[in-house]
Protein backbone atom coordinates (compact mmCIF):
# COMPACT_ATOMS: atom_id res chain seq x y z
CA MET A 1 4.20 31.72 -11.31
CA SER A 2 6.71 28.80 -12.39
CA VAL A 3 5.28 25.24 -12.17
CA LEU A 4 7.55 21.95 -12.65
CA ILE A 5 5.73 19.41 -14.79
CA LEU A 6 7.19 15.76 -14.15
CA THR A 7 6.09 12.96 -16.62
CA GLU A 8 5.62 9.34 -15.64
CA ALA A 9 8.74 8.43 -17.28
CA GLU A 10 10.82 11.28 -15.31
CA LEU A 11 9.20 10.10 -12.24
CA ARG A 12 9.87 6.36 -12.77
CA GLN A 13 13.82 7.35 -13.57
CA LEU A 14 14.02 9.51 -10.12
CA VAL A 15 11.92 7.38 -7.92
CA PRO A 16 12.56 3.80 -7.73
CA MET A 17 11.36 1.29 -5.01
CA ASP A 18 14.19 1.37 -3.01
CA LEU A 19 15.02 1.86 0.59
CA ALA A 20 14.56 5.73 0.17
CA ALA A 21 11.15 5.16 -1.02
CA ILE A 22 10.55 2.77 2.16
CA GLY A 23 11.87 5.81 4.14
CA ALA A 24 9.40 8.21 2.61
CA ALA A 25 6.60 6.07 3.92
CA GLU A 26 8.21 5.99 7.42
CA GLN A 27 8.32 9.62 7.69
CA ALA A 28 4.54 9.89 6.79
CA PHE A 29 3.66 7.14 9.03
CA ARG A 30 5.78 8.83 11.90
CA ALA A 31 4.24 12.29 11.59
CA LEU A 32 0.93 10.74 11.73
CA GLY A 33 2.11 8.80 15.00
CA GLU A 34 3.56 11.70 16.47
CA GLY A 35 0.36 14.17 15.53
CA ARG A 36 2.46 16.24 13.00
CA ALA A 37 0.36 15.46 10.15
CA ILE A 38 -3.06 16.99 9.32
CA GLN A 39 -5.04 14.36 7.12
CA PRO A 40 -8.50 14.62 6.01
CA PRO A 41 -10.83 11.66 5.11
CA VAL A 42 -10.80 10.26 1.77
CA LEU A 43 -12.79 11.76 -0.80
CA ALA A 44 -14.28 8.60 -2.68
CA LEU A 45 -16.38 8.30 -5.75
CA GLU A 46 -17.85 5.54 -6.87
CA ILE A 47 -19.10 5.12 -10.58
CA PRO A 48 -20.87 2.02 -11.01
CA PRO A 49 -22.18 2.58 -14.52
CA ARG A 50 -18.52 2.79 -15.47
CA ASN A 51 -17.14 0.08 -12.88
CA ALA A 52 -15.02 2.86 -11.81
CA GLU A 53 -13.79 5.00 -8.83
CA VAL A 54 -12.00 7.97 -8.11
CA ASP A 55 -10.07 9.04 -5.04
CA ILE A 56 -8.72 12.19 -3.75
CA LYS A 57 -6.29 12.01 -0.75
CA THR A 58 -4.15 14.86 0.64
CA ALA A 59 -2.30 15.82 4.15
CA TYR A 60 -0.31 18.33 5.55
CA ILE A 61 2.87 17.11 7.38
CA GLU A 62 4.80 19.73 9.44
CA GLY A 63 8.66 19.97 8.25
CA LEU A 64 7.96 18.96 4.81
CA PRO A 65 8.02 21.89 2.04
CA GLN A 66 5.01 20.69 0.10
CA LEU A 67 1.72 19.22 0.60
CA ALA A 68 0.22 16.84 -2.09
CA ILE A 69 -3.14 16.58 -3.44
CA LYS A 70 -3.45 13.35 -5.03
CA THR A 71 -6.33 12.24 -7.43
CA SER A 72 -6.13 8.37 -8.58
CA SER A 73 -8.66 6.67 -10.74
CA GLY A 74 -9.86 3.15 -11.26
CA PHE A 75 -11.59 1.99 -14.30
CA PHE A 76 -11.53 -1.74 -14.40
CA ASP A 77 -12.74 -2.05 -17.64
CA ASN A 78 -10.14 -0.47 -19.28
CA PRO A 79 -7.98 -3.49 -20.02
CA ALA A 80 -10.64 -4.73 -22.54
CA HIS A 81 -9.58 -1.34 -24.46
CA GLY A 82 -5.98 -1.95 -24.12
CA LEU A 83 -5.72 0.59 -21.52
CA PRO A 84 -4.29 0.13 -17.84
CA SER A 85 -6.88 -0.17 -15.07
CA LEU A 86 -5.35 2.67 -12.84
CA SER A 87 -4.17 6.19 -13.37
CA GLY A 88 -3.79 9.45 -11.50
CA PHE A 89 -1.68 12.62 -10.65
CA MET A 90 -0.57 14.65 -7.96
CA ALA A 91 -0.64 18.14 -7.42
CA ALA A 92 2.16 19.79 -5.25
CA LEU A 93 1.33 23.02 -2.97
CA SER A 94 3.88 24.99 -1.21
CA ALA A 95 3.53 24.27 2.43
CA GLU A 96 4.49 27.84 3.20
CA THR A 97 2.52 29.69 0.76
CA GLY A 98 -0.13 27.23 -1.01
CA ARG A 99 1.07 28.27 -4.21
CA MET A 100 1.30 25.35 -7.00
CA GLU A 101 4.90 24.24 -7.46
CA ALA A 102 4.46 21.10 -9.48
CA VAL A 103 2.32 18.48 -11.33
CA LEU A 104 3.51 14.97 -11.08
CA LEU A 105 1.92 13.02 -14.00
CA ASP A 106 2.78 9.85 -12.64
CA ASN A 107 -0.59 8.02 -13.81
CA GLY A 108 -0.31 6.39 -10.58
CA TYR A 109 3.45 5.10 -10.11
CA LEU A 110 3.77 6.94 -6.90
CA THR A 111 0.71 5.41 -5.54
CA ASP A 112 2.33 2.06 -6.36
CA LEU A 113 5.18 2.96 -4.24
CA ARG A 114 3.27 3.05 -1.26
CA THR A 115 4.90 0.35 0.43
CA GLY A 116 3.62 -2.26 2.81
CA ALA A 117 7.40 -3.40 3.34
CA LEU A 118 7.39 -0.69 6.54
CA ALA A 119 4.34 -2.84 7.80
CA ALA A 120 6.44 -6.21 7.45
CA ARG A 121 9.55 -4.33 8.55
CA GLU A 122 7.62 -3.12 12.04
CA LEU A 123 5.41 -6.39 12.23
CA ALA A 124 6.80 -9.50 10.64
CA ARG A 125 9.56 -11.85 12.30
CA PRO A 126 13.09 -10.71 11.44
CA ASP A 127 14.02 -14.02 10.17
CA ALA A 128 10.84 -14.62 7.83
CA ARG A 129 12.23 -16.30 4.49
CA ILE A 130 9.04 -17.11 2.80
CA ALA A 131 6.81 -14.66 1.37
CA GLY A 132 3.38 -15.36 -0.49
CA VAL A 133 1.37 -12.95 -2.62
CA LEU A 134 -2.04 -13.05 -3.60
CA GLY A 135 -2.61 -11.26 -7.13
CA THR A 136 -0.67 -10.88 -10.01
CA GLY A 137 -0.90 -6.99 -10.64
CA LEU A 138 1.67 -4.44 -10.48
CA GLN A 139 1.21 -3.89 -6.62
CA ALA A 140 2.04 -7.66 -6.18
CA ARG A 141 5.30 -7.27 -8.18
CA MET A 142 5.95 -3.94 -6.34
CA GLN A 143 5.38 -4.85 -3.18
CA ILE A 144 7.17 -7.96 -2.94
CA GLU A 145 10.35 -6.19 -4.43
CA ALA A 146 10.13 -3.66 -1.52
CA LEU A 147 9.52 -6.47 1.05
CA LYS A 148 12.94 -8.14 -0.27
CA LEU A 149 14.62 -4.91 0.89
CA VAL A 150 13.69 -5.40 4.41
CA ARG A 151 13.62 -9.27 5.07
CA PRO A 152 15.93 -12.14 4.09
CA LEU A 153 13.51 -13.80 1.54
CA GLU A 154 14.56 -16.89 -0.21
CA GLN A 155 11.24 -18.08 -1.63
CA VAL A 156 8.07 -16.24 -3.00
CA LEU A 157 4.57 -18.22 -3.34
CA VAL A 158 2.10 -16.72 -5.58
CA TRP A 159 -1.65 -17.43 -6.48
CA GLY A 160 -3.55 -15.67 -9.13
CA ARG A 161 -7.44 -16.49 -10.37
CA ARG A 162 -5.67 -17.02 -13.69
CA ALA A 163 -3.13 -19.75 -13.84
CA GLU A 164 -1.40 -18.26 -16.85
CA THR A 165 -1.37 -14.81 -15.65
CA ALA A 166 0.23 -16.44 -12.11
CA GLN A 167 2.75 -18.44 -14.55
CA GLY A 168 3.93 -15.02 -15.94
CA TYR A 169 4.30 -13.41 -12.67
CA ALA A 170 6.54 -16.44 -11.28
CA ASP A 171 8.71 -16.36 -14.57
CA GLU A 172 9.12 -12.46 -14.24
CA MET A 173 9.74 -12.27 -10.48
CA THR A 174 12.18 -15.27 -10.55
CA GLN A 175 14.41 -13.32 -13.02
CA ARG A 176 13.79 -9.99 -11.16
CA LEU A 177 14.53 -11.03 -7.66
CA GLY A 178 16.88 -13.67 -8.17
CA ILE A 179 14.98 -16.11 -5.81
CA PRO A 180 12.49 -18.87 -6.71
CA VAL A 181 8.91 -17.53 -7.27
CA GLU A 182 6.23 -20.67 -7.28
CA ILE A 183 2.95 -20.77 -8.26
CA ARG A 184 0.40 -22.53 -5.97
CA ASP A 185 -3.42 -23.46 -7.11
CA THR A 186 -5.17 -21.91 -4.48
CA ALA A 187 -4.77 -18.87 -1.85
CA GLU A 188 -5.11 -21.56 0.95
CA ALA A 189 -1.72 -23.06 -0.20
CA VAL A 190 -0.02 -19.66 -0.17
CA VAL A 191 -1.11 -18.61 3.23
CA ARG A 192 -0.66 -21.74 5.04
CA GLU A 193 2.93 -22.02 3.84
CA ALA A 194 4.20 -18.26 3.81
CA GLU A 195 5.64 -17.03 6.54
CA ILE A 196 4.32 -13.04 5.19
CA VAL A 197 1.71 -12.78 3.12
CA ILE A 198 0.50 -9.75 1.28
CA THR A 199 -2.86 -9.51 -0.53
CA THR A 200 -3.36 -7.20 -3.42
CA THR A 201 -6.66 -8.06 -5.22
CA PRO A 202 -9.68 -6.15 -5.59
CA SER A 203 -11.83 -8.61 -4.13
CA ARG A 204 -15.26 -8.14 -2.96
CA GLU A 205 -15.59 -11.50 -1.14
CA PRO A 206 -13.24 -12.52 1.44
CA ILE A 207 -10.15 -14.63 0.16
CA VAL A 208 -7.92 -15.47 3.38
CA GLN A 209 -9.72 -17.45 5.92
CA ARG A 210 -9.13 -17.60 9.79
CA GLU A 211 -8.05 -21.74 9.76
CA TRP A 212 -5.33 -20.97 7.44
CA LEU A 213 -3.21 -18.58 9.66
CA HIS A 214 -0.53 -19.86 11.63
CA ALA A 215 1.92 -18.89 14.46
CA GLY A 216 4.60 -16.23 13.66
CA GLN A 217 2.68 -15.08 10.62
CA HIS A 218 2.40 -11.66 9.35
CA LEU A 219 -0.14 -10.79 6.73
CA THR A 220 -0.61 -7.24 4.82
CA ALA A 221 -3.70 -6.44 3.12
CA MET A 222 -3.75 -3.67 0.49
CA GLY A 223 -6.43 -4.50 -1.82
CA SER A 224 -9.34 -3.27 -0.04
CA ASP A 225 -9.60 0.46 -0.24
CA ALA A 226 -13.46 0.97 -0.85
CA PRO A 227 -16.31 -0.35 1.39
CA TYR A 228 -17.42 -2.74 -1.14
CA LYS A 229 -14.11 -4.78 -1.02
CA ASN A 230 -13.15 -7.41 1.32
CA GLU A 231 -9.90 -9.57 1.17
CA ILE A 232 -9.67 -10.78 4.67
CA ALA A 233 -12.67 -13.09 6.56
CA PRO A 234 -13.71 -11.12 9.55
CA ALA A 235 -12.85 -14.19 11.76
CA ALA A 236 -9.22 -14.40 10.47
CA LEU A 237 -8.82 -10.55 11.43
CA ALA A 238 -10.53 -10.92 14.85
CA TYR A 239 -8.12 -14.25 15.15
CA ALA A 240 -4.78 -12.30 14.87
CA THR A 241 -2.75 -11.34 17.79
CA ARG A 242 -2.35 -7.89 16.95
CA PHE A 243 -4.47 -5.96 14.26
CA VAL A 244 -2.91 -2.81 12.88
CA CYS A 245 -4.12 -0.53 10.67
CA ASP A 246 -2.77 2.88 8.68
CA VAL A 247 -5.80 5.04 9.70
CA ALA A 248 -8.50 3.35 11.88
CA SER A 249 -11.41 5.44 10.83
CA GLN A 250 -10.17 4.69 7.24
CA SER A 251 -9.93 0.91 7.82
CA LEU A 252 -13.67 1.12 9.42
CA ALA A 253 -15.05 3.19 6.36
CA LEU A 254 -13.23 1.34 3.37
CA GLY A 255 -10.91 -1.21 4.62
CA GLU A 256 -11.00 -4.57 6.66
CA LEU A 257 -12.21 -3.59 9.59
CA GLY A 258 -15.55 -2.61 8.38
CA PRO A 259 -16.68 -5.97 7.46
CA ALA A 260 -15.50 -7.26 10.58
CA VAL A 261 -17.51 -4.91 12.72
CA ALA A 262 -20.21 -5.56 10.53
CA ALA A 263 -20.02 -9.37 11.28
CA GLY A 264 -19.88 -9.00 14.96
CA VAL A 265 -16.59 -10.16 15.97
CA MET A 266 -14.82 -6.77 16.54
CA THR A 267 -15.87 -3.47 17.72
CA GLU A 268 -15.70 -0.15 16.57
CA THR A 269 -14.32 0.88 20.23
CA ALA A 270 -12.07 -1.87 20.33
CA GLN A 271 -8.15 -1.26 20.47
CA HIS A 272 -7.14 -0.82 17.11
CA THR A 273 -3.42 0.25 16.76
CA GLU A 274 -2.64 2.58 14.04
CA LEU A 275 0.88 2.08 12.24
CA GLY A 276 2.36 5.40 12.77
CA THR A 277 1.87 4.56 16.63
CA VAL A 278 4.00 1.28 15.93
CA VAL A 279 6.55 3.55 14.14
CA CYS A 280 7.15 5.99 16.48
CA GLY A 281 7.31 3.86 19.36
CA ARG A 282 4.14 5.06 21.12
CA ALA A 283 2.57 1.67 20.91
CA ALA A 284 3.62 -2.13 20.46
CA GLY A 285 3.78 -4.24 17.24
CA ARG A 286 4.94 -7.88 17.42
CA THR A 287 5.67 -8.72 21.06
CA GLY A 288 6.65 -12.40 20.29
CA ASP A 289 7.65 -15.04 17.60
CA ASP A 290 4.29 -16.86 17.89
CA ASP A 291 2.08 -13.53 17.35
CA ILE A 292 0.01 -13.49 14.37
CA THR A 293 0.14 -9.99 13.17
CA LEU A 294 -2.12 -8.08 10.39
CA CYS A 295 -1.75 -4.77 8.90
CA ASP A 296 -4.58 -3.43 6.84
CA LEU A 297 -3.30 -0.33 4.58
CA THR A 298 -5.83 1.58 3.05
CA GLY A 299 -3.61 4.34 1.63
CA THR A 300 -2.92 7.56 3.20
CA GLY A 301 -2.79 11.31 1.89
CA ALA A 302 0.51 11.61 4.23
CA GLN A 303 2.19 9.12 2.27
CA ASP A 304 1.32 10.73 -0.95
CA THR A 305 2.56 13.94 0.53
CA ALA A 306 5.86 12.42 1.79
CA ILE A 307 6.47 10.64 -1.65
CA ALA A 308 5.64 13.73 -3.52
CA ALA A 309 8.21 15.95 -1.61
CA HIS A 310 10.90 12.74 -2.04
CA ALA A 311 10.28 12.99 -5.53
CA LEU A 312 10.65 16.74 -5.78
CA ALA A 313 13.94 16.85 -4.00
CA LEU A 314 15.26 14.19 -6.39
CA ALA A 315 13.96 16.10 -9.49
CA GLN A 316 15.67 19.29 -8.59
CA LYS A 317 19.02 17.70 -7.75
CA ALA A 318 18.70 15.83 -11.34
CA ASN A 319 17.53 18.90 -12.85
CA LEU A 320 14.71 17.06 -14.26
CA GLY A 321 11.30 18.12 -15.58
CA HIS A 322 9.78 20.96 -17.48
CA ILE A 323 9.08 24.54 -16.15
CA ILE A 324 5.84 26.38 -17.30
CA ASN A 325 4.88 30.03 -16.35
CA ALA A 326 1.38 29.75 -15.41
């Protein structure tokens, strides 16, 4: 059996954050919305003694040549030892035979490409020009880059817990995006000013409050992917005109819906629109300019399978990677 090995450096070369990457995310959500994906619940392992977590995700998508099994880890004390917090890899199996075809040693890079820009493309006002981001890490960088591909951004506002880190983000992203990126002293200031907000923090207590939201705004929450994380106040979730999530059961178990249900402001049986049904036209997204839309993204195995298949197609064209005989 021949297995293709792709390194992080090769994958970064092959798969930039571009419209094709957003297209892979769209393919995944369209399959979910049309019922062409088989996706089990996330296997989540919390390791409190190590301040760490490990997640395993997978999905089969009808029509794709591979399916991926993704392992991602977060060991959040790593920076104190000079190591990144996040890592991971994907194993790609033939969707026809189940035989191993490739190992993608991406160290979490392909996970970082899971793009909130698709949610913004479907739910944000087309004329939105001011974006806000809460957080200053890699997701905060990549998601704003992706957002600029689908909306005519003219300004970005950023808040971080450490002022020096936020300033570094602003300086770097101003150069990278070619538009002004300005820091704000509070998360409230960012949310009140921005037309599109992306939250990318691992916060365990709500940051975004209901009274900060305003008509016409879109918010994508990407930080909460475990039961103990919560970026959006339950009242803010309930206040939104339209609440959309990637997978309702995951949002309830791991994302922002769980705290809102626990607080009694939303119910498990209420109408929760999944992004895939919006993408494929089976459910409405934004219905008016004054709607406040909120999308909770916890990450899906379907996205991992779609981006893995996309990467492997590009690798084959470029003749990149190392083949081993297993």
